[in-house]
């Protein structure tokens, strides 16, 4: 894939996610990883792993903010929207690659 085709993939994705009520263009961490993917610094599996780590840390920080120090944080169910988002990037890049 070229830089232009990767950039177009991310642009289509941000538009579709915003339309679905999940604006990602304001997520600086996601956009930074997307730029690294666009420029070929990361492959999609690595981007996915790094973004999942970011999301996990956000959940930990949020639990710490909302729970009293003496309370144990309950295990949380994973938020699937970001995974679905990254799977969609992967699907889109695979289909773009085959064109």
N, C-alpha and C. Protein backbone atom coordinates (compact mmCIF):
# COMPACT_ATOMS: atom_id res chain seq x y z
N UNK A 1 0.84 -1.19 0.00
CA UNK A 1 0.00 0.00 0.00
C UNK A 1 0.88 1.24 0.00
N UNK A 2 0.40 2.25 -0.67
CA UNK A 2 1.13 3.52 -0.70
C UNK A 2 0.70 4.38 0.48
N UNK A 3 1.48 5.40 0.74
CA UNK A 3 1.12 6.34 1.80
C UNK A 3 -0.24 6.96 1.52
N UNK A 4 -0.48 7.33 0.26
CA UNK A 4 -1.76 7.94 -0.10
C UNK A 4 -2.93 6.99 0.12
N UNK A 5 -2.75 5.73 -0.22
CA UNK A 5 -3.87 4.79 -0.02
C UNK A 5 -4.09 4.52 1.47
N UNK A 6 -3.02 4.48 2.25
CA UNK A 6 -3.19 4.30 3.70
C UNK A 6 -3.87 5.52 4.31
N UNK A 7 -3.46 6.70 3.88
CA UNK A 7 -4.09 7.93 4.40
C UNK A 7 -5.57 7.95 4.05
N UNK A 8 -5.90 7.55 2.82
CA UNK A 8 -7.30 7.51 2.40
C UNK A 8 -8.08 6.50 3.23
N UNK A 9 -7.46 5.39 3.58
CA UNK A 9 -8.12 4.38 4.42
C UNK A 9 -8.45 4.97 5.78
N UNK A 10 -7.50 5.65 6.39
CA UNK A 10 -7.73 6.26 7.71
C UNK A 10 -8.79 7.34 7.60
N UNK A 11 -8.75 8.12 6.54
CA UNK A 11 -9.75 9.18 6.36
C UNK A 11 -11.16 8.59 6.24
N UNK A 12 -11.31 7.54 5.44
CA UNK A 12 -12.62 6.89 5.31
C UNK A 12 -13.07 6.34 6.66
N UNK A 13 -12.14 5.77 7.38
CA UNK A 13 -12.46 5.19 8.68
C UNK A 13 -12.91 6.26 9.68
N UNK A 14 -12.20 7.39 9.74
CA UNK A 14 -12.59 8.44 10.68
C UNK A 14 -13.96 9.01 10.33
N UNK A 15 -14.25 9.11 9.04
CA UNK A 15 -15.56 9.60 8.62
C UNK A 15 -16.66 8.62 9.00
N UNK A 16 -16.43 7.34 8.73
CA UNK A 16 -17.48 6.35 9.05
C UNK A 16 -17.66 6.19 10.55
N UNK A 17 -16.60 6.26 11.32
CA UNK A 17 -16.72 6.14 12.78
C UNK A 17 -17.42 7.37 13.36
N UNK A 18 -17.14 8.55 12.83
CA UNK A 18 -17.82 9.76 13.30
C UNK A 18 -19.32 9.66 13.00
N UNK A 19 -19.65 9.16 11.82
CA UNK A 19 -21.05 9.01 11.45
C UNK A 19 -21.75 7.99 12.35
N UNK A 20 -21.00 7.01 12.85
CA UNK A 20 -21.56 5.99 13.73
C UNK A 20 -21.58 6.45 15.19
N UNK A 21 -21.13 7.68 15.45
CA UNK A 21 -21.15 8.19 16.82
C UNK A 21 -19.90 7.86 17.62
N UNK A 22 -18.84 7.44 16.94
CA UNK A 22 -17.58 7.12 17.60
C UNK A 22 -16.45 7.95 16.99
N UNK A 23 -16.45 9.26 17.26
CA UNK A 23 -15.42 10.09 16.63
C UNK A 23 -14.03 9.70 17.13
N UNK A 24 -13.16 9.34 16.22
CA UNK A 24 -11.80 8.97 16.59
C UNK A 24 -10.78 10.02 16.18
N UNK A 25 -11.21 10.97 15.37
CA UNK A 25 -10.27 11.99 14.92
C UNK A 25 -9.74 12.85 16.07
N UNK A 26 -10.45 12.85 17.21
CA UNK A 26 -9.99 13.61 18.38
C UNK A 26 -9.12 12.78 19.32
N UNK A 27 -8.94 11.50 19.02
CA UNK A 27 -8.13 10.62 19.86
C UNK A 27 -6.68 10.73 19.40
N UNK A 28 -5.92 11.54 20.13
CA UNK A 28 -4.53 11.81 19.73
C UNK A 28 -3.69 10.54 19.68
N UNK A 29 -3.91 9.62 20.60
CA UNK A 29 -3.13 8.38 20.61
C UNK A 29 -3.42 7.55 19.36
N UNK A 30 -4.71 7.43 19.02
CA UNK A 30 -5.06 6.68 17.83
C UNK A 30 -4.48 7.34 16.59
N UNK A 31 -4.63 8.65 16.49
CA UNK A 31 -4.17 9.35 15.29
C UNK A 31 -2.64 9.28 15.16
N UNK A 32 -1.92 9.31 16.28
CA UNK A 32 -0.47 9.17 16.23
C UNK A 32 -0.09 7.78 15.69
N UNK A 33 -0.75 6.75 16.19
CA UNK A 33 -0.48 5.40 15.69
C UNK A 33 -0.88 5.27 14.22
N UNK A 34 -2.00 5.91 13.86
CA UNK A 34 -2.43 5.87 12.47
C UNK A 34 -1.39 6.52 11.56
N UNK A 35 -0.83 7.63 11.99
CA UNK A 35 0.22 8.29 11.18
C UNK A 35 1.44 7.38 11.03
N UNK A 36 1.79 6.71 12.10
CA UNK A 36 2.93 5.78 12.02
C UNK A 36 2.62 4.63 11.06
N UNK A 37 1.36 4.16 11.06
CA UNK A 37 0.96 3.11 10.12
C UNK A 37 0.98 3.64 8.69
N UNK A 38 0.46 4.84 8.51
CA UNK A 38 0.42 5.45 7.18
C UNK A 38 1.82 5.52 6.58
N UNK A 39 2.80 5.86 7.40
CA UNK A 39 4.17 6.02 6.91
C UNK A 39 4.97 4.72 6.93
N UNK A 40 4.30 3.62 7.24
CA UNK A 40 4.96 2.32 7.19
C UNK A 40 5.86 2.01 8.36
N UNK A 41 5.76 2.82 9.43
CA UNK A 41 6.58 2.57 10.62
C UNK A 41 6.04 1.40 11.44
N UNK A 42 4.76 1.12 11.29
CA UNK A 42 4.09 0.04 12.02
C UNK A 42 3.29 -0.79 11.05
N UNK A 43 3.18 -2.05 11.33
CA UNK A 43 2.24 -2.91 10.62
C UNK A 43 0.95 -2.93 11.43
N UNK A 44 -0.14 -3.34 10.82
CA UNK A 44 -1.44 -3.31 11.49
C UNK A 44 -1.47 -4.11 12.79
N UNK A 45 -0.90 -5.31 12.86
CA UNK A 45 -0.95 -6.03 14.15
C UNK A 45 -0.26 -5.26 15.28
N UNK A 46 0.85 -4.60 14.98
CA UNK A 46 1.54 -3.82 16.00
C UNK A 46 0.73 -2.59 16.39
N UNK A 47 0.11 -1.93 15.42
CA UNK A 47 -0.74 -0.79 15.73
C UNK A 47 -1.87 -1.22 16.65
N UNK A 48 -2.48 -2.34 16.34
CA UNK A 48 -3.58 -2.85 17.15
C UNK A 48 -3.11 -3.14 18.57
N UNK A 49 -1.96 -3.80 18.71
CA UNK A 49 -1.44 -4.13 20.04
C UNK A 49 -1.16 -2.86 20.84
N UNK A 50 -0.54 -1.89 20.22
CA UNK A 50 -0.22 -0.64 20.92
C UNK A 50 -1.47 0.12 21.32
N UNK A 51 -2.47 0.17 20.44
CA UNK A 51 -3.68 0.90 20.77
C UNK A 51 -4.48 0.18 21.85
N UNK A 52 -4.47 -1.13 21.85
CA UNK A 52 -5.12 -1.87 22.92
C UNK A 52 -4.46 -1.57 24.26
N UNK A 53 -3.13 -1.44 24.28
CA UNK A 53 -2.41 -1.10 25.51
C UNK A 53 -2.80 0.31 25.99
N UNK A 54 -2.95 1.23 25.06
CA UNK A 54 -3.39 2.59 25.41
C UNK A 54 -4.77 2.55 26.05
N UNK A 55 -5.68 1.81 25.43
CA UNK A 55 -7.05 1.71 25.94
C UNK A 55 -7.08 1.06 27.32
N UNK A 56 -6.26 0.03 27.51
CA UNK A 56 -6.21 -0.65 28.80
C UNK A 56 -5.71 0.31 29.88
N UNK A 57 -4.71 1.10 29.58
CA UNK A 57 -4.20 2.07 30.54
C UNK A 57 -5.25 3.14 30.84
N UNK A 58 -6.00 3.56 29.85
CA UNK A 58 -7.08 4.53 30.08
C UNK A 58 -8.13 3.96 31.04
N UNK A 59 -8.48 2.69 30.82
CA UNK A 59 -9.47 2.06 31.71
C UNK A 59 -8.95 1.98 33.14
N UNK A 60 -7.67 1.63 33.30
CA UNK A 60 -7.07 1.58 34.64
C UNK A 60 -7.12 2.95 35.31
N UNK A 61 -6.73 3.97 34.57
CA UNK A 61 -6.72 5.32 35.12
C UNK A 61 -8.13 5.76 35.49
N UNK A 62 -9.11 5.42 34.67
CA UNK A 62 -10.49 5.79 34.95
C UNK A 62 -11.00 5.09 36.21
N UNK A 63 -10.66 3.81 36.36
CA UNK A 63 -11.08 3.09 37.57
C UNK A 63 -10.44 3.69 38.81
N UNK A 64 -9.17 4.06 38.73
CA UNK A 64 -8.50 4.66 39.88
C UNK A 64 -9.18 5.97 40.27
N UNK A 65 -9.61 6.72 39.30
CA UNK A 65 -10.26 8.00 39.56
C UNK A 65 -11.61 7.82 40.23
N UNK A 66 -12.34 6.76 39.85
CA UNK A 66 -13.70 6.58 40.32
C UNK A 66 -13.84 5.68 41.55
N UNK A 67 -12.79 4.96 41.92
CA UNK A 67 -12.89 4.04 43.05
C UNK A 67 -12.11 4.57 44.24
N UNK A 68 -12.63 4.29 45.43
CA UNK A 68 -11.90 4.64 46.64
C UNK A 68 -10.64 3.78 46.70
N UNK A 69 -9.56 4.28 47.28
CA UNK A 69 -8.30 3.53 47.29
C UNK A 69 -8.41 2.14 47.91
N UNK A 70 -9.29 1.96 48.88
CA UNK A 70 -9.40 0.66 49.55
C UNK A 70 -10.22 -0.35 48.74
N UNK A 71 -10.89 0.11 47.67
CA UNK A 71 -11.70 -0.79 46.87
C UNK A 71 -10.88 -1.43 45.77
N UNK A 72 -11.11 -2.69 45.56
CA UNK A 72 -10.46 -3.42 44.47
C UNK A 72 -11.25 -3.17 43.19
N UNK A 73 -10.57 -2.88 42.13
CA UNK A 73 -11.24 -2.64 40.85
C UNK A 73 -11.74 -3.96 40.28
N UNK A 74 -13.03 -4.01 39.90
CA UNK A 74 -13.54 -5.24 39.31
C UNK A 74 -12.98 -5.42 37.90
N UNK A 75 -12.89 -6.67 37.45
CA UNK A 75 -12.43 -6.85 36.08
C UNK A 75 -13.42 -6.23 35.11
N UNK A 76 -12.91 -5.63 34.08
CA UNK A 76 -13.80 -4.97 33.13
C UNK A 76 -13.89 -5.78 31.85
N UNK A 77 -15.04 -5.69 31.23
CA UNK A 77 -15.20 -6.31 29.92
C UNK A 77 -14.50 -5.43 28.90
N UNK A 78 -13.86 -6.03 27.94
CA UNK A 78 -13.18 -5.21 26.93
C UNK A 78 -14.17 -4.39 26.12
N UNK A 79 -13.76 -3.19 25.77
CA UNK A 79 -14.56 -2.34 24.90
C UNK A 79 -14.25 -2.76 23.47
N UNK A 80 -15.27 -3.17 22.78
CA UNK A 80 -15.04 -3.76 21.47
C UNK A 80 -14.95 -2.75 20.34
N UNK A 81 -15.41 -1.55 20.56
CA UNK A 81 -15.47 -0.62 19.44
C UNK A 81 -14.09 -0.34 18.85
N UNK A 82 -13.08 -0.18 19.67
CA UNK A 82 -11.74 0.08 19.13
C UNK A 82 -11.21 -1.15 18.41
N UNK A 83 -11.45 -2.33 18.96
CA UNK A 83 -11.02 -3.55 18.28
C UNK A 83 -11.73 -3.68 16.94
N UNK A 84 -13.02 -3.40 16.96
CA UNK A 84 -13.77 -3.46 15.71
C UNK A 84 -13.22 -2.44 14.72
N UNK A 85 -12.87 -1.28 15.25
CA UNK A 85 -12.29 -0.22 14.43
C UNK A 85 -11.00 -0.70 13.79
N UNK A 86 -10.11 -1.29 14.57
CA UNK A 86 -8.84 -1.76 14.03
C UNK A 86 -9.04 -2.93 13.08
N UNK A 87 -10.02 -3.77 13.37
CA UNK A 87 -10.33 -4.87 12.45
C UNK A 87 -10.82 -4.31 11.12
N UNK A 88 -11.58 -3.22 11.18
CA UNK A 88 -12.07 -2.59 9.96
C UNK A 88 -10.91 -2.00 9.15
N UNK A 89 -9.94 -1.39 9.83
CA UNK A 89 -8.75 -0.89 9.13
C UNK A 89 -8.06 -2.05 8.43
N UNK A 90 -7.90 -3.13 9.15
CA UNK A 90 -7.24 -4.30 8.59
C UNK A 90 -8.00 -4.82 7.38
N UNK A 91 -9.34 -4.91 7.50
CA UNK A 91 -10.17 -5.37 6.40
C UNK A 91 -10.03 -4.43 5.21
N UNK A 92 -10.07 -3.12 5.48
CA UNK A 92 -10.00 -2.14 4.42
C UNK A 92 -8.64 -2.18 3.73
N UNK A 93 -7.59 -2.32 4.51
CA UNK A 93 -6.25 -2.34 3.90
C UNK A 93 -6.06 -3.62 3.10
N UNK A 94 -6.61 -4.70 3.57
CA UNK A 94 -6.51 -5.95 2.83
C UNK A 94 -7.25 -5.84 1.50
N UNK A 95 -8.44 -5.27 1.54
CA UNK A 95 -9.20 -5.14 0.30
C UNK A 95 -8.57 -4.10 -0.62
N UNK A 96 -8.00 -3.01 -0.06
CA UNK A 96 -7.31 -2.01 -0.88
C UNK A 96 -6.05 -2.60 -1.50
N UNK A 97 -5.40 -3.48 -0.77
CA UNK A 97 -4.16 -4.08 -1.24
C UNK A 97 -4.42 -5.00 -2.43
N UNK A 98 -5.61 -5.58 -2.46
CA UNK A 98 -5.95 -6.52 -3.52
C UNK A 98 -6.51 -5.84 -4.77
N UNK A 99 -6.67 -4.54 -4.74
CA UNK A 99 -7.23 -3.82 -5.90
C UNK A 99 -6.17 -3.61 -6.94
